[in-house]
Protein backbone atom coordinates (compact mmCIF):
# COMPACT_ATOMS: atom_id res chain seq x y z
CA MET A 1 35.35 -2.72 -15.22
CA PHE A 2 32.37 -4.55 -13.68
CA ASP A 3 31.54 -3.75 -10.20
CA SER A 4 29.98 -6.86 -8.69
CA VAL A 5 29.09 -5.04 -5.19
CA LYS A 6 27.31 -2.14 -7.12
CA ALA A 7 25.35 -4.88 -9.32
CA GLY A 8 24.58 -6.70 -6.07
CA ARG A 9 23.00 -3.50 -4.48
CA GLU A 10 20.92 -2.99 -7.72
CA ILE A 11 19.79 -6.81 -7.45
CA VAL A 12 18.67 -6.09 -4.00
CA VAL A 13 16.67 -2.95 -4.83
CA GLN A 14 14.88 -4.44 -7.88
CA ARG A 15 13.95 -7.63 -6.11
CA LYS A 16 12.54 -5.72 -3.44
CA LYS A 17 10.65 -3.47 -5.77
CA MET A 18 9.07 -6.74 -7.22
CA GLY A 19 8.32 -7.63 -3.37
CA LEU A 20 10.31 -10.93 -3.57
CA THR A 21 12.52 -12.59 -1.09
CA GLN A 22 15.78 -14.08 -2.05
CA GLU A 23 14.08 -17.41 -1.93
CA GLU A 24 11.37 -16.56 -4.16
CA LEU A 25 13.65 -14.94 -6.79
CA ALA A 26 15.69 -17.98 -6.69
CA VAL A 27 12.66 -20.09 -7.44
CA ARG A 28 11.69 -18.00 -10.31
CA LEU A 29 15.38 -18.31 -11.69
CA SER A 30 15.74 -21.87 -11.07
CA ILE A 31 18.72 -21.31 -8.93
CA SER A 32 19.54 -21.50 -5.22
CA PRO A 33 18.85 -19.02 -2.52
CA GLN A 34 22.49 -19.06 -1.70
CA ALA A 35 23.40 -17.76 -5.33
CA VAL A 36 21.16 -14.95 -4.90
CA SER A 37 22.94 -14.06 -1.79
CA LYS A 38 26.20 -14.29 -3.28
CA TRP A 39 25.18 -11.86 -6.08
CA GLU A 40 23.52 -9.54 -3.73
CA ASN A 41 26.85 -9.52 -1.54
CA GLY A 42 28.97 -9.01 -4.75
CA HIS A 43 30.70 -12.57 -4.00
CA ALA A 44 29.53 -13.88 -7.31
CA THR A 45 28.64 -12.60 -10.75
CA VAL A 46 25.33 -13.33 -12.80
CA ALA A 47 25.28 -15.07 -15.75
CA ILE A 48 23.95 -13.13 -18.77
CA SER A 49 20.95 -15.60 -19.24
CA LYS A 50 20.05 -15.01 -15.47
CA TYR A 51 20.32 -11.11 -15.98
CA GLU A 52 18.07 -11.27 -18.89
CA GLU A 53 15.40 -13.43 -16.96
CA MET A 54 15.74 -10.70 -14.02
CA ILE A 55 15.00 -7.88 -16.55
CA SER A 56 12.21 -9.72 -18.03
CA MET A 57 10.62 -10.10 -14.61
CA CYS A 58 11.09 -6.68 -13.74
CA GLU A 59 9.32 -5.41 -17.05
CA LYS A 60 6.56 -7.85 -16.20
CA CYS A 61 6.22 -6.23 -12.70
CA LEU A 62 6.17 -2.89 -14.08
CA TYR A 63 3.56 -3.78 -16.83
CA SER A 64 1.25 -5.35 -14.16
CA LEU A 65 1.59 -2.05 -12.04
CA SER A 66 0.32 -0.16 -15.26
CA GLU A 67 -2.61 -2.37 -15.47
CA SER A 68 -3.78 -1.78 -12.06
CA ALA A 69 -6.61 0.38 -10.72
CA PRO A 70 -6.80 3.98 -12.05
CA GLU A 71 -4.29 6.28 -10.48
CA THR A 72 -3.73 9.92 -10.03
CA ALA A 73 -1.47 12.01 -12.02
CA GLU A 74 1.45 11.81 -9.44
CA GLU A 75 0.99 8.01 -9.22
CA SER A 76 1.32 7.90 -12.85
CA ARG A 77 4.31 10.30 -12.87
CA GLU A 78 6.22 7.94 -10.17
CA LYS A 79 5.35 4.88 -12.19
CA ARG A 80 6.89 6.12 -15.20
CA LYS A 81 9.89 7.15 -13.33
CA MET A 82 10.28 3.83 -11.85
CA LEU A 83 10.01 2.31 -15.24
CA ILE A 84 12.68 4.64 -16.53
CA VAL A 85 15.12 3.80 -13.81
CA VAL A 86 14.54 0.13 -14.15
CA LEU A 87 15.22 -0.03 -17.79
CA ARG A 88 18.23 2.49 -17.56
CA ARG A 89 19.71 0.17 -14.91
CA SER A 90 19.09 -2.99 -16.59
CA LYS A 91 20.89 -1.72 -19.58
CA GLU A 92 23.70 -0.84 -17.65
CA LEU A 93 23.92 -4.26 -15.89
CA GLU A 94 23.52 -5.68 -19.38
CA MET A 95 26.58 -3.49 -20.48
CA ASP A 96 28.66 -4.39 -17.49
CA ALA A 97 28.13 -8.08 -17.99
CA LEU A 98 29.10 -7.87 -21.74
CA LYS A 99 32.37 -5.66 -20.69
CA GLU A 100 33.16 -8.45 -18.25
CA ILE A 101 32.95 -11.14 -20.85
CA ALA A 102 34.94 -9.16 -23.44
CA SER A 103 37.67 -8.49 -20.91
CA ALA A 104 37.79 -12.15 -20.02
CA ILE A 105 38.33 -13.27 -23.67
CA THR A 106 41.01 -10.83 -24.46
């Protein structure tokens, strides 16, 4: 079953990793800041299209990090770990959203 509170916490984590405020994320997704707040507090669920946009934003953020100045081996390992975590969590969120849709139509 989809856990909107858990998903909301993950949205907060990813938004902060991208260095965005709720308002900035809302502007990028063409939604209201109140909608972002509701997602983050688990009071509303995110449409799949918005999940896809957020995942794309995370991937672009990570790609831009990889294009930055030369890094130490430790920094490189940390960036790879962060990429793995973001990609794994984005897939979990996608699956949760699909399960919610499936349960709603059955």
